[in-house]
C-alpha cells in the first residue's frame, strides 16, 4: 500500500533529522536521498499518493530534508524540488506547500 510506504519513509526521515539535531550530526546523505527519492516517485505514481504525502509527514520530510542538506548535496535538492513540483501540479496543494515553508528551499536550491 502506497500510504504505508509514504508514512514509513516520511516518519523515518523526520525521526533521523530530529535525532541529528540532538546529536549534532547529520544523518546519512544517502539515507536522505533515498527517502526523498521514494517520496518523489510516489508523488509521480498516483493521485492517491500525492494526497498521502500532503496529509502525512511527507511534505514536512521533503522540506526538512532540503533545508538540512541545502549546502551538502545538490541531488537531494533536485529530488526535493521534483517532489514539490509533482505535488504542486494540483492547485489545491500549492497553498499548503507554501504555508509549510516549501518555497524557500526551492528558491535556495535554484540560487546554489
Foldseek 3Di string as FASTA:
>chain_A
DLLVLLQVLLVVLVVQCVVCVVVVHHPDPVSLLVSLLSLLVQLVPDPVSLVSLLPHSNLVSLQSSLVVCVPPDLSSLVSSVSNVVSSVVDVVSVVSSVVSPNVVSNVSSVVD
